[in-house]
Amino acid sequence: MLAPLLKAVFRPHVEGIEDVPPEGPVIFASNHLSFIDSIIIPLIAPRSVSFLAKAEYFEGGNLRQRMAGAFFSAMGAVPVRRGQGRAAVAALDAGIEVLNKGGGFGIYPEGTRSLDGKLHRGHTGVAQLALSTGALVVPVALLGTDKVQPKGKKLPRVHRFTVRFGKPLDFSRYEGMGASPPIRRAVTDEIMYAIMELSGQEYVDSYHKRPDAA
């Protein structure tokens, strides 16, 4: 129900959707501009895409919390508990589980939303996922979603946006080399370059600080 409603109201411009593999494990690696990105990509992509979501969304007891949990479950979100020592490991494990079942998994290599509109250096978790599972990586560029739901706004507003899917990247040439930090960095940089080419964003070769650490 939401997918046709989104397209009718926001009239998004979508490019490269024909390049998305219809089956098999696929990592959707995207830039990140807004909270709503994790809703837009699963609704626009031609196949199911699972993103991580805070476990708290699935655990509430009141009506609002139950509705939120039902919504994220219907979107295929995978619950993960943040703020614990094993949070990063748990996130990777959740992604590997989805990909090993032949599913689609969404990830933001920057690790957090861009607050300055630039594309920042990617963390190597995306490479670890690709090298551990043999999944293809589809780079994704989002443009204008920060206008749909700017930071601090609880509700989206009507504003046209663009979703660009790039051609799948195959890293099978690195099979068996996933334990090497230089290989993981090379794979991550190749993915970030593909996202930069699609988005047209200025690239910054440093990690973006998380909002709570800024």
N, C-alpha and C. Protein backbone atom coordinates (compact mmCIF):
# COMPACT_ATOMS: atom_id res chain seq x y z
N MET A 1 0.82 -1.21 0.00
CA MET A 1 0.00 0.00 0.00
C MET A 1 0.86 1.26 0.00
N LEU A 2 1.98 1.24 0.75
CA LEU A 2 2.79 2.44 0.88
C LEU A 2 3.56 2.78 -0.38
N ALA A 3 4.02 1.76 -1.11
CA ALA A 3 4.85 2.02 -2.29
C ALA A 3 4.11 2.85 -3.34
N PRO A 4 2.91 2.46 -3.77
CA PRO A 4 2.21 3.30 -4.76
C PRO A 4 1.82 4.66 -4.19
N LEU A 5 1.53 4.73 -2.88
CA LEU A 5 1.19 6.02 -2.26
C LEU A 5 2.40 6.95 -2.29
N LEU A 6 3.57 6.41 -1.96
CA LEU A 6 4.80 7.21 -1.98
C LEU A 6 5.05 7.76 -3.38
N LYS A 7 4.89 6.90 -4.39
CA LYS A 7 5.16 7.32 -5.76
C LYS A 7 4.15 8.35 -6.24
N ALA A 8 2.90 8.22 -5.81
CA ALA A 8 1.86 9.16 -6.24
C ALA A 8 2.03 10.53 -5.60
N VAL A 9 2.41 10.55 -4.33
CA VAL A 9 2.50 11.81 -3.60
C VAL A 9 3.83 12.52 -3.87
N PHE A 10 4.95 11.80 -3.82
CA PHE A 10 6.26 12.43 -3.93
C PHE A 10 6.81 12.43 -5.35
N ARG A 11 6.26 11.61 -6.24
CA ARG A 11 6.69 11.52 -7.63
C ARG A 11 8.22 11.43 -7.73
N PRO A 12 8.82 10.42 -7.10
CA PRO A 12 10.28 10.32 -7.12
C PRO A 12 10.82 10.02 -8.51
N HIS A 13 12.03 10.49 -8.74
CA HIS A 13 12.73 10.19 -9.98
C HIS A 13 13.66 9.02 -9.69
N VAL A 14 13.48 7.91 -10.39
CA VAL A 14 14.23 6.69 -10.12
C VAL A 14 15.04 6.32 -11.36
N GLU A 15 16.33 6.05 -11.15
CA GLU A 15 17.21 5.67 -12.24
C GLU A 15 17.92 4.36 -11.92
N GLY A 16 18.18 3.56 -12.94
CA GLY A 16 18.99 2.36 -12.81
C GLY A 16 18.32 1.18 -12.15
N ILE A 17 17.01 1.25 -11.99
CA ILE A 17 16.33 0.17 -11.27
C ILE A 17 16.45 -1.17 -12.03
N GLU A 18 16.67 -1.08 -13.33
CA GLU A 18 16.82 -2.30 -14.14
C GLU A 18 18.14 -3.01 -13.85
N ASP A 19 19.07 -2.33 -13.20
CA ASP A 19 20.36 -2.93 -12.89
C ASP A 19 20.36 -3.73 -11.59
N VAL A 20 19.29 -3.64 -10.82
CA VAL A 20 19.23 -4.36 -9.54
C VAL A 20 18.99 -5.85 -9.81
N PRO A 21 19.88 -6.72 -9.33
CA PRO A 21 19.68 -8.17 -9.53
C PRO A 21 18.35 -8.61 -8.90
N PRO A 22 17.53 -9.36 -9.63
CA PRO A 22 16.21 -9.74 -9.11
C PRO A 22 16.27 -10.80 -8.02
N GLU A 23 17.38 -11.49 -7.89
CA GLU A 23 17.49 -12.54 -6.87
C GLU A 23 18.94 -12.69 -6.44
N GLY A 24 19.13 -13.45 -5.36
CA GLY A 24 20.47 -13.66 -4.84
C GLY A 24 20.83 -12.60 -3.82
N PRO A 25 21.88 -12.83 -3.02
CA PRO A 25 22.26 -11.87 -2.00
C PRO A 25 22.79 -10.58 -2.60
N VAL A 26 22.24 -9.45 -2.14
CA VAL A 26 22.64 -8.14 -2.65
C VAL A 26 22.73 -7.16 -1.48
N ILE A 27 23.82 -6.42 -1.44
CA ILE A 27 23.99 -5.34 -0.47
C ILE A 27 23.67 -4.02 -1.17
N PHE A 28 22.73 -3.27 -0.61
CA PHE A 28 22.41 -1.94 -1.13
C PHE A 28 23.18 -0.93 -0.27
N ALA A 29 24.27 -0.39 -0.81
CA ALA A 29 25.14 0.53 -0.08
C ALA A 29 24.84 1.96 -0.52
N SER A 30 24.34 2.76 0.40
CA SER A 30 23.80 4.07 0.04
C SER A 30 24.44 5.20 0.84
N ASN A 31 24.40 6.41 0.25
CA ASN A 31 24.66 7.60 1.05
C ASN A 31 23.47 7.80 1.99
N HIS A 32 23.59 8.69 2.95
CA HIS A 32 22.57 8.79 4.00
C HIS A 32 22.34 10.25 4.35
N LEU A 33 21.14 10.74 4.03
CA LEU A 33 20.82 12.15 4.25
C LEU A 33 19.69 12.38 5.24
N SER A 34 18.84 11.37 5.46
CA SER A 34 17.64 11.59 6.26
C SER A 34 17.17 10.29 6.91
N PHE A 35 16.45 10.42 8.02
CA PHE A 35 15.87 9.25 8.67
C PHE A 35 15.00 8.45 7.71
N ILE A 36 14.33 9.15 6.81
CA ILE A 36 13.37 8.49 5.92
C ILE A 36 14.04 7.65 4.84
N ASP A 37 15.36 7.74 4.71
CA ASP A 37 16.08 6.95 3.70
C ASP A 37 15.81 5.46 3.85
N SER A 38 15.76 5.00 5.10
CA SER A 38 15.56 3.56 5.36
C SER A 38 14.15 3.09 5.04
N ILE A 39 13.26 4.02 4.79
CA ILE A 39 11.90 3.69 4.35
C ILE A 39 11.80 3.81 2.84
N ILE A 40 12.45 4.84 2.29
CA ILE A 40 12.37 5.09 0.85
C ILE A 40 13.00 3.96 0.05
N ILE A 41 14.20 3.52 0.42
CA ILE A 41 14.88 2.50 -0.39
C ILE A 41 14.09 1.20 -0.46
N PRO A 42 13.57 0.65 0.65
CA PRO A 42 12.78 -0.58 0.53
C PRO A 42 11.50 -0.41 -0.28
N LEU A 43 10.92 0.81 -0.26
CA LEU A 43 9.69 1.03 -1.02
C LEU A 43 9.95 1.24 -2.51
N ILE A 44 11.14 1.73 -2.85
CA ILE A 44 11.46 2.01 -4.25
C ILE A 44 12.13 0.81 -4.92
N ALA A 45 12.97 0.11 -4.19
CA ALA A 45 13.72 -1.02 -4.77
C ALA A 45 12.77 -2.08 -5.31
N PRO A 46 13.15 -2.78 -6.39
CA PRO A 46 12.27 -3.78 -6.99
C PRO A 46 12.25 -5.11 -6.25
N ARG A 47 12.91 -5.19 -5.10
CA ARG A 47 12.92 -6.41 -4.30
C ARG A 47 13.04 -6.02 -2.83
N SER A 48 12.82 -6.96 -1.97
CA SER A 48 12.85 -6.69 -0.54
C SER A 48 14.25 -6.28 -0.08
N VAL A 49 14.30 -5.25 0.76
CA VAL A 49 15.57 -4.77 1.32
C VAL A 49 15.39 -4.61 2.83
N SER A 50 16.24 -5.26 3.59
CA SER A 50 16.18 -5.17 5.05
C SER A 50 17.23 -4.19 5.56
N PHE A 51 16.80 -3.30 6.45
CA PHE A 51 17.72 -2.39 7.13
C PHE A 51 17.70 -2.72 8.62
N LEU A 52 18.72 -2.31 9.32
CA LEU A 52 18.74 -2.47 10.77
C LEU A 52 17.85 -1.40 11.40
N ALA A 53 17.22 -1.76 12.51
CA ALA A 53 16.40 -0.81 13.26
C ALA A 53 16.63 -1.06 14.75
N LYS A 54 16.50 -0.01 15.53
CA LYS A 54 16.71 -0.14 16.97
C LYS A 54 15.75 -1.18 17.54
N ALA A 55 16.26 -2.04 18.40
CA ALA A 55 15.44 -3.09 19.01
C ALA A 55 14.27 -2.49 19.79
N GLU A 56 14.46 -1.28 20.31
CA GLU A 56 13.41 -0.64 21.10
C GLU A 56 12.12 -0.45 20.31
N TYR A 57 12.25 -0.32 18.97
CA TYR A 57 11.05 -0.15 18.14
C TYR A 57 10.13 -1.37 18.21
N PHE A 58 10.69 -2.52 18.53
CA PHE A 58 9.93 -3.77 18.49
C PHE A 58 9.48 -4.23 19.88
N GLU A 59 9.81 -3.46 20.91
CA GLU A 59 9.61 -3.96 22.27
C GLU A 59 8.58 -3.21 23.08
N GLY A 60 8.04 -2.12 22.58
CA GLY A 60 7.11 -1.31 23.37
C GLY A 60 5.79 -2.01 23.64
N GLY A 61 5.14 -1.59 24.73
CA GLY A 61 3.88 -2.21 25.11
C GLY A 61 2.65 -1.39 24.79
N ASN A 62 2.79 -0.06 24.61
CA ASN A 62 1.60 0.74 24.33
C ASN A 62 1.25 0.69 22.84
N LEU A 63 0.12 1.26 22.48
CA LEU A 63 -0.38 1.15 21.11
C LEU A 63 0.58 1.78 20.10
N ARG A 64 1.12 2.94 20.43
CA ARG A 64 2.04 3.61 19.50
C ARG A 64 3.27 2.75 19.26
N GLN A 65 3.82 2.17 20.31
CA GLN A 65 5.02 1.34 20.19
C GLN A 65 4.73 0.06 19.41
N ARG A 66 3.55 -0.52 19.66
CA ARG A 66 3.19 -1.74 18.92
C ARG A 66 3.01 -1.44 17.45
N MET A 67 2.42 -0.28 17.13
CA MET A 67 2.24 0.11 15.73
C MET A 67 3.59 0.33 15.05
N ALA A 68 4.53 0.95 15.78
CA ALA A 68 5.86 1.16 15.22
C ALA A 68 6.55 -0.17 14.95
N GLY A 69 6.43 -1.11 15.91
CA GLY A 69 7.03 -2.42 15.73
C GLY A 69 6.43 -3.16 14.55
N ALA A 70 5.10 -3.07 14.40
CA ALA A 70 4.43 -3.73 13.28
C ALA A 70 4.87 -3.12 11.95
N PHE A 71 5.03 -1.79 11.94
CA PHE A 71 5.44 -1.11 10.71
C PHE A 71 6.84 -1.54 10.29
N PHE A 72 7.79 -1.51 11.24
CA PHE A 72 9.16 -1.87 10.89
C PHE A 72 9.28 -3.35 10.55
N SER A 73 8.47 -4.18 11.18
CA SER A 73 8.47 -5.60 10.83
C SER A 73 7.98 -5.80 9.40
N ALA A 74 6.91 -5.06 9.05
CA ALA A 74 6.38 -5.17 7.69
C ALA A 74 7.38 -4.66 6.65
N MET A 75 8.24 -3.71 7.05
CA MET A 75 9.25 -3.17 6.15
C MET A 75 10.45 -4.11 6.03
N GLY A 76 10.45 -5.19 6.81
CA GLY A 76 11.55 -6.13 6.75
C GLY A 76 12.75 -5.71 7.57
N ALA A 77 12.55 -4.76 8.51
CA ALA A 77 13.65 -4.28 9.33
C ALA A 77 14.15 -5.38 10.27
N VAL A 78 15.44 -5.34 10.56
CA VAL A 78 16.06 -6.32 11.44
C VAL A 78 16.41 -5.62 12.76
N PRO A 79 15.86 -6.07 13.89
CA PRO A 79 16.16 -5.40 15.16
C PRO A 79 17.58 -5.65 15.62
N VAL A 80 18.21 -4.61 16.12
CA VAL A 80 19.55 -4.73 16.71
C VAL A 80 19.64 -3.76 17.87
N ARG A 81 20.24 -4.21 18.95
CA ARG A 81 20.34 -3.37 20.14
C ARG A 81 21.61 -2.55 20.07
N ARG A 82 21.47 -1.22 20.19
CA ARG A 82 22.61 -0.32 20.13
C ARG A 82 23.12 -0.01 21.54
N GLY A 83 24.30 0.55 21.60
CA GLY A 83 24.85 0.98 22.87
C GLY A 83 25.50 -0.12 23.67
N GLN A 84 25.70 -1.28 23.08
CA GLN A 84 26.37 -2.36 23.76
C GLN A 84 27.71 -2.63 23.08
N GLY A 85 28.61 -3.29 23.79
CA GLY A 85 29.94 -3.54 23.27
C GLY A 85 29.94 -4.35 21.99
N ARG A 86 28.96 -5.26 21.86
CA ARG A 86 28.92 -6.12 20.68
C ARG A 86 27.96 -5.59 19.62
N ALA A 87 27.57 -4.31 19.73
CA ALA A 87 26.57 -3.79 18.80
C ALA A 87 27.03 -3.89 17.35
N ALA A 88 28.29 -3.51 17.07
CA ALA A 88 28.79 -3.55 15.70
C ALA A 88 28.85 -4.98 15.19
N VAL A 89 29.28 -5.91 16.06
CA VAL A 89 29.34 -7.32 15.67
C VAL A 89 27.94 -7.85 15.41
N ALA A 90 27.00 -7.48 16.28
CA ALA A 90 25.61 -7.94 16.12
C ALA A 90 25.02 -7.43 14.81
N ALA A 91 25.36 -6.19 14.45
CA ALA A 91 24.86 -5.61 13.20
C ALA A 91 25.39 -6.38 12.00
N LEU A 92 26.67 -6.70 12.01
CA LEU A 92 27.25 -7.47 10.92
C LEU A 92 26.67 -8.87 10.86
N ASP A 93 26.49 -9.48 12.02
CA ASP A 93 25.90 -10.83 12.06
C ASP A 93 24.49 -10.82 11.48
N ALA A 94 23.72 -9.77 11.79
CA ALA A 94 22.36 -9.67 11.26
C ALA A 94 22.38 -9.53 9.74
N GLY A 95 23.31 -8.73 9.23
CA GLY A 95 23.43 -8.57 7.79
C GLY A 95 23.85 -9.86 7.10
N ILE A 96 24.79 -10.56 7.69
CA ILE A 96 25.24 -11.84 7.12
C ILE A 96 24.10 -12.84 7.08
N GLU A 97 23.28 -12.86 8.12
CA GLU A 97 22.15 -13.80 8.15
C GLU A 97 21.18 -13.53 7.01
N VAL A 98 20.87 -12.25 6.78
CA VAL A 98 19.96 -11.88 5.68
C VAL A 98 20.56 -12.28 4.34
N LEU A 99 21.84 -11.98 4.14
CA LEU A 99 22.48 -12.25 2.86
C LEU A 99 22.67 -13.74 2.61
N ASN A 100 22.96 -14.49 3.64
CA ASN A 100 23.12 -15.94 3.47
C ASN A 100 21.82 -16.63 3.09
N LYS A 101 20.70 -15.96 3.33
CA LYS A 101 19.39 -16.48 2.91
C LYS A 101 19.01 -16.00 1.52
N GLY A 102 19.94 -15.27 0.88
CA GLY A 102 19.67 -14.78 -0.47
C GLY A 102 18.90 -13.48 -0.52
N GLY A 103 18.86 -12.75 0.62
CA GLY A 103 18.08 -11.52 0.68
C GLY A 103 18.86 -10.28 0.31
N GLY A 104 18.15 -9.15 0.38
CA GLY A 104 18.77 -7.85 0.14
C GLY A 104 18.96 -7.14 1.47
N PHE A 105 20.12 -6.54 1.66
CA PHE A 105 20.43 -5.88 2.94
C PHE A 105 20.93 -4.47 2.65
N GLY A 106 20.35 -3.48 3.34
CA GLY A 106 20.73 -2.10 3.14
C GLY A 106 21.70 -1.62 4.21
N ILE A 107 22.68 -0.83 3.81
CA ILE A 107 23.68 -0.34 4.75
C ILE A 107 24.16 1.03 4.31
N TYR A 108 24.50 1.86 5.30
CA TYR A 108 25.08 3.18 5.04
C TYR A 108 26.55 3.13 5.45
N PRO A 109 27.46 3.01 4.51
CA PRO A 109 28.88 2.87 4.86
C PRO A 109 29.43 4.03 5.68
N GLU A 110 28.84 5.23 5.54
CA GLU A 110 29.31 6.37 6.33
C GLU A 110 29.04 6.17 7.82
N GLY A 111 28.06 5.34 8.15
CA GLY A 111 27.76 5.04 9.54
C GLY A 111 26.72 5.94 10.18
N THR A 112 26.46 7.10 9.58
CA THR A 112 25.47 8.02 10.14
C THR A 112 25.07 8.99 9.04
N ARG A 113 24.03 9.78 9.33
CA ARG A 113 23.58 10.76 8.35
C ARG A 113 24.62 11.85 8.14
N SER A 114 24.73 12.30 6.90
CA SER A 114 25.62 13.42 6.60
C SER A 114 24.94 14.71 7.03
N LEU A 115 25.61 15.46 7.88
CA LEU A 115 25.05 16.73 8.36
C LEU A 115 25.50 17.92 7.51
N ASP A 116 26.49 17.69 6.65
CA ASP A 116 26.99 18.79 5.82
C ASP A 116 26.73 18.58 4.33
N GLY A 117 26.00 17.49 4.01
CA GLY A 117 25.68 17.22 2.61
C GLY A 117 26.80 16.58 1.82
N LYS A 118 27.96 16.38 2.45
CA LYS A 118 29.10 15.78 1.76
C LYS A 118 29.12 14.27 1.99
N LEU A 119 29.84 13.56 1.16
CA LEU A 119 29.99 12.12 1.30
C LEU A 119 31.30 11.85 2.03
N HIS A 120 31.19 11.18 3.18
CA HIS A 120 32.37 10.96 4.01
C HIS A 120 32.92 9.55 3.85
N ARG A 121 34.11 9.35 4.34
CA ARG A 121 34.82 8.08 4.24
C ARG A 121 33.96 6.94 4.79
N GLY A 122 33.96 5.82 4.10
CA GLY A 122 33.15 4.69 4.51
C GLY A 122 33.85 3.79 5.50
N HIS A 123 33.08 3.24 6.44
CA HIS A 123 33.59 2.22 7.34
C HIS A 123 33.64 0.88 6.59
N THR A 124 34.55 0.01 7.01
CA THR A 124 34.81 -1.20 6.23
C THR A 124 33.84 -2.35 6.51
N GLY A 125 32.82 -2.12 7.33
CA GLY A 125 31.84 -3.18 7.57
C GLY A 125 31.15 -3.63 6.29
N VAL A 126 30.91 -2.69 5.36
CA VAL A 126 30.26 -3.05 4.10
C VAL A 126 31.13 -4.02 3.31
N ALA A 127 32.46 -3.81 3.35
CA ALA A 127 33.37 -4.73 2.66
C ALA A 127 33.38 -6.09 3.34
N GLN A 128 33.35 -6.08 4.67
CA GLN A 128 33.34 -7.35 5.40
C GLN A 128 32.11 -8.17 5.05
N LEU A 129 30.96 -7.49 4.92
CA LEU A 129 29.73 -8.18 4.53
C LEU A 129 29.87 -8.80 3.14
N ALA A 130 30.37 -8.01 2.20
CA ALA A 130 30.50 -8.48 0.81
C ALA A 130 31.48 -9.64 0.71
N LEU A 131 32.60 -9.53 1.39
CA LEU A 131 33.63 -10.55 1.29
C LEU A 131 33.26 -11.81 2.06
N SER A 132 32.45 -11.67 3.12
CA SER A 132 32.05 -12.83 3.91
C SER A 132 30.96 -13.65 3.24
N THR A 133 30.13 -12.99 2.43
CA THR A 133 28.96 -13.66 1.87
C THR A 133 29.03 -13.85 0.36
N GLY A 134 29.94 -13.14 -0.30
CA GLY A 134 29.99 -13.19 -1.76
C GLY A 134 28.88 -12.40 -2.43
N ALA A 135 28.19 -11.55 -1.66
CA ALA A 135 27.07 -10.79 -2.20
C ALA A 135 27.55 -9.70 -3.16
N LEU A 136 26.76 -9.44 -4.18
CA LEU A 136 26.99 -8.28 -5.03
C LEU A 136 26.65 -7.02 -4.25
N VAL A 137 27.27 -5.91 -4.61
CA VAL A 137 27.00 -4.63 -3.96
C VAL A 137 26.41 -3.68 -4.98
N VAL A 138 25.21 -3.20 -4.71
CA VAL A 138 24.58 -2.20 -5.57
C VAL A 138 24.74 -0.83 -4.91
N PRO A 139 25.54 0.07 -5.49
CA PRO A 139 25.65 1.41 -4.91
C PRO A 139 24.35 2.19 -5.16
N VAL A 140 23.96 2.97 -4.18
CA VAL A 140 22.72 3.73 -4.27
C VAL A 140 23.00 5.18 -3.90
N ALA A 141 22.43 6.10 -4.66
CA ALA A 141 22.55 7.52 -4.35
C ALA A 141 21.17 8.10 -4.12
N LEU A 142 21.01 8.78 -3.01
CA LEU A 142 19.76 9.49 -2.69
C LEU A 142 20.02 10.98 -2.80
N LEU A 143 19.12 11.69 -3.45
CA LEU A 143 19.23 13.13 -3.59
C LEU A 143 17.89 13.75 -3.20
N GLY A 144 17.93 14.71 -2.29
CA GLY A 144 16.73 15.44 -1.91
C GLY A 144 15.96 14.87 -0.75
N THR A 145 16.37 13.74 -0.21
CA THR A 145 15.62 13.18 0.93
C THR A 145 15.79 14.02 2.18
N ASP A 146 16.87 14.80 2.25
CA ASP A 146 17.04 15.70 3.40
C ASP A 146 16.04 16.85 3.35
N LYS A 147 15.45 17.09 2.18
CA LYS A 147 14.39 18.09 2.08
C LYS A 147 13.04 17.48 2.42
N VAL A 148 12.90 16.17 2.20
CA VAL A 148 11.65 15.48 2.55
C VAL A 148 11.48 15.43 4.06
N GLN A 149 12.54 15.06 4.76
CA GLN A 149 12.49 15.04 6.22
C GLN A 149 13.82 15.57 6.76
N PRO A 150 13.91 16.88 6.95
CA PRO A 150 15.14 17.46 7.48
C PRO A 150 15.41 16.96 8.90
N LYS A 151 16.64 17.04 9.32
CA LYS A 151 17.01 16.63 10.67
C LYS A 151 16.19 17.39 11.70
N GLY A 152 15.65 16.66 12.67
CA GLY A 152 14.86 17.26 13.74
C GLY A 152 13.37 17.32 13.47
N LYS A 153 12.95 17.04 12.23
CA LYS A 153 11.53 17.06 11.89
C LYS A 153 10.94 15.66 12.04
N LYS A 154 9.83 15.55 12.73
CA LYS A 154 9.23 14.24 12.98
C LYS A 154 8.42 13.73 11.80
N LEU A 155 7.86 14.63 11.02
CA LEU A 155 7.00 14.22 9.90
C LEU A 155 7.62 14.67 8.58
N PRO A 156 7.49 13.83 7.55
CA PRO A 156 8.00 14.23 6.23
C PRO A 156 7.11 15.27 5.58
N ARG A 157 7.68 15.99 4.62
CA ARG A 157 6.90 16.95 3.85
C ARG A 157 7.06 16.60 2.38
N VAL A 158 6.12 17.04 1.59
CA VAL A 158 6.12 16.68 0.17
C VAL A 158 7.23 17.44 -0.55
N HIS A 159 8.18 16.69 -1.06
CA HIS A 159 9.29 17.26 -1.83
C HIS A 159 9.82 16.16 -2.74
N ARG A 160 10.01 16.46 -3.98
CA ARG A 160 10.47 15.44 -4.91
C ARG A 160 11.92 15.06 -4.61
N PHE A 161 12.24 13.77 -4.77
CA PHE A 161 13.59 13.29 -4.52
C PHE A 161 13.99 12.32 -5.62
N THR A 162 15.27 11.96 -5.64
CA THR A 162 15.81 11.07 -6.66
C THR A 162 16.49 9.88 -6.01
N VAL A 163 16.29 8.70 -6.60
CA VAL A 163 16.99 7.49 -6.18
C VAL A 163 17.71 6.94 -7.40
N ARG A 164 19.04 6.77 -7.28
CA ARG A 164 19.83 6.22 -8.38
C ARG A 164 20.47 4.91 -7.94
N PHE A 165 20.19 3.85 -8.67
CA PHE A 165 20.82 2.56 -8.44
C PHE A 165 21.96 2.40 -9.45
N GLY A 166 23.14 2.04 -8.95
CA GLY A 166 24.27 1.82 -9.83
C GLY A 166 24.37 0.37 -10.26
N LYS A 167 25.28 0.11 -11.16
CA LYS A 167 25.50 -1.26 -11.60
C LYS A 167 26.15 -2.07 -10.48
N PRO A 168 25.79 -3.34 -10.33
CA PRO A 168 26.32 -4.16 -9.24
C PRO A 168 27.83 -4.29 -9.30
N LEU A 169 28.45 -4.24 -8.14
CA LEU A 169 29.89 -4.43 -8.01
C LEU A 169 30.16 -5.85 -7.51
N ASP A 170 31.06 -6.55 -8.18
CA ASP A 170 31.39 -7.93 -7.84
C ASP A 170 32.82 -7.99 -7.30
N PHE A 171 32.95 -8.47 -6.07
CA PHE A 171 34.27 -8.53 -5.44
C PHE A 171 34.75 -9.97 -5.26
N SER A 172 34.27 -10.85 -6.11
CA SER A 172 34.68 -12.26 -6.02
C SER A 172 36.18 -12.43 -6.27
N ARG A 173 36.81 -11.45 -6.89
CA ARG A 173 38.26 -11.55 -7.14
C ARG A 173 39.06 -11.54 -5.83
N TYR A 174 38.40 -11.11 -4.75
CA TYR A 174 39.08 -11.07 -3.44
C TYR A 174 38.68 -12.26 -2.56
N GLU A 175 38.12 -13.30 -3.15
CA GLU A 175 37.66 -14.44 -2.37
C GLU A 175 38.80 -14.99 -1.50
N GLY A 176 38.48 -15.21 -0.23
CA GLY A 176 39.45 -15.73 0.71
C GLY A 176 40.39 -14.70 1.29
N MET A 177 40.21 -13.42 0.93
CA MET A 177 41.12 -12.37 1.39
C MET A 177 40.43 -11.37 2.30
N GLY A 178 39.23 -11.72 2.78
CA GLY A 178 38.44 -10.78 3.57
C GLY A 178 39.03 -10.43 4.92
N ALA A 179 39.99 -11.21 5.40
CA ALA A 179 40.61 -10.92 6.70
C ALA A 179 41.66 -9.82 6.60
N SER A 180 42.00 -9.42 5.40
CA SER A 180 43.05 -8.43 5.20
C SER A 180 42.49 -7.01 5.29
N PRO A 181 42.93 -6.21 6.29
CA PRO A 181 42.45 -4.82 6.39
C PRO A 181 42.67 -4.00 5.12
N PRO A 182 43.84 -4.11 4.43
CA PRO A 182 44.00 -3.33 3.19
C PRO A 182 42.98 -3.72 2.11
N ILE A 183 42.63 -5.00 2.04
CA ILE A 183 41.63 -5.43 1.05
C ILE A 183 40.27 -4.86 1.41
N ARG A 184 39.90 -4.92 2.70
CA ARG A 184 38.61 -4.36 3.11
C ARG A 184 38.56 -2.86 2.84
N ARG A 185 39.67 -2.18 3.04
CA ARG A 185 39.69 -0.74 2.76
C ARG A 185 39.58 -0.48 1.26
N ALA A 186 40.25 -1.28 0.44
CA ALA A 186 40.18 -1.09 -1.01
C ALA A 186 38.76 -1.32 -1.52
N VAL A 187 38.10 -2.36 -1.01
CA VAL A 187 36.72 -2.65 -1.42
C VAL A 187 35.79 -1.51 -0.99
N THR A 188 35.94 -1.05 0.25
CA THR A 188 35.10 0.03 0.74
C THR A 188 35.30 1.30 -0.08
N ASP A 189 36.54 1.63 -0.39
CA ASP A 189 36.80 2.85 -1.17
C ASP A 189 36.21 2.74 -2.58
N GLU A 190 36.23 1.54 -3.16
CA GLU A 190 35.62 1.36 -4.48
C GLU A 190 34.11 1.58 -4.41
N ILE A 191 33.49 1.10 -3.35
CA ILE A 191 32.05 1.29 -3.16
C ILE A 191 31.73 2.77 -2.97
N MET A 192 32.52 3.46 -2.15
CA MET A 192 32.27 4.88 -1.89
C MET A 192 32.48 5.71 -3.17
N TYR A 193 33.44 5.32 -3.98
CA TYR A 193 33.66 6.04 -5.24
C TYR A 193 32.44 5.89 -6.15
N ALA A 194 31.87 4.69 -6.17
CA ALA A 194 30.68 4.46 -7.00
C ALA A 194 29.50 5.30 -6.50
N ILE A 195 29.34 5.39 -5.17
CA ILE A 195 28.27 6.22 -4.61
C ILE A 195 28.50 7.69 -4.95
N MET A 196 29.75 8.14 -4.86
CA MET A 196 30.09 9.52 -5.19
C MET A 196 29.76 9.84 -6.64
N GLU A 197 30.09 8.91 -7.54
CA GLU A 197 29.80 9.10 -8.96
C GLU A 197 28.30 9.26 -9.19
N LEU A 198 27.51 8.50 -8.46
CA LEU A 198 26.05 8.55 -8.64
C LEU A 198 25.44 9.80 -8.01
N SER A 199 25.94 10.18 -6.84
CA SER A 199 25.31 11.27 -6.08
C SER A 199 25.83 12.64 -6.47
N GLY A 200 27.08 12.71 -6.98
CA GLY A 200 27.66 14.00 -7.29
C GLY A 200 28.10 14.78 -6.06
N GLN A 201 28.11 14.12 -4.90
CA GLN A 201 28.51 14.80 -3.67
C GLN A 201 30.01 15.02 -3.62
N GLU A 202 30.41 16.05 -2.90
CA GLU A 202 31.83 16.25 -2.62
C GLU A 202 32.28 15.18 -1.63
N TYR A 203 33.43 14.56 -1.89
CA TYR A 203 33.92 13.49 -1.03
C TYR A 203 34.91 14.05 -0.01
N VAL A 204 34.76 13.60 1.23
CA VAL A 204 35.66 13.99 2.32
C VAL A 204 36.32 12.73 2.85
N ASP A 205 37.64 12.67 2.80
CA ASP A 205 38.34 11.45 3.21
C ASP A 205 38.58 11.41 4.72
N SER A 206 37.48 11.54 5.45
CA SER A 206 37.52 11.40 6.91
C SER A 206 36.14 10.93 7.36
N TYR A 207 36.10 10.21 8.48
CA TYR A 207 34.84 9.69 8.97
C TYR A 207 33.96 10.83 9.48
N HIS A 208 32.66 10.69 9.24
CA HIS A 208 31.71 11.67 9.75
C HIS A 208 31.46 11.39 11.23
N LYS A 209 31.56 12.42 12.05
CA LYS A 209 31.28 12.25 13.47
C LYS A 209 29.79 12.00 13.67
N ARG A 210 29.49 11.08 14.58
CA ARG A 210 28.10 10.83 14.91
C ARG A 210 27.55 12.06 15.65
N PRO A 211 26.23 12.35 15.46
CA PRO A 211 25.65 13.55 16.06
C PRO A 211 25.88 13.67 17.56
N ASP A 212 25.84 12.54 18.31
CA ASP A 212 25.99 12.61 19.75
C ASP A 212 27.44 12.83 20.16
N ALA A 213 28.36 12.74 19.21
CA ALA A 213 29.78 12.95 19.51
C ALA A 213 30.28 14.27 18.97
N ALA A 214 29.42 14.95 18.22
CA ALA A 214 29.85 16.21 17.59
C ALA A 214 29.98 17.32 18.63
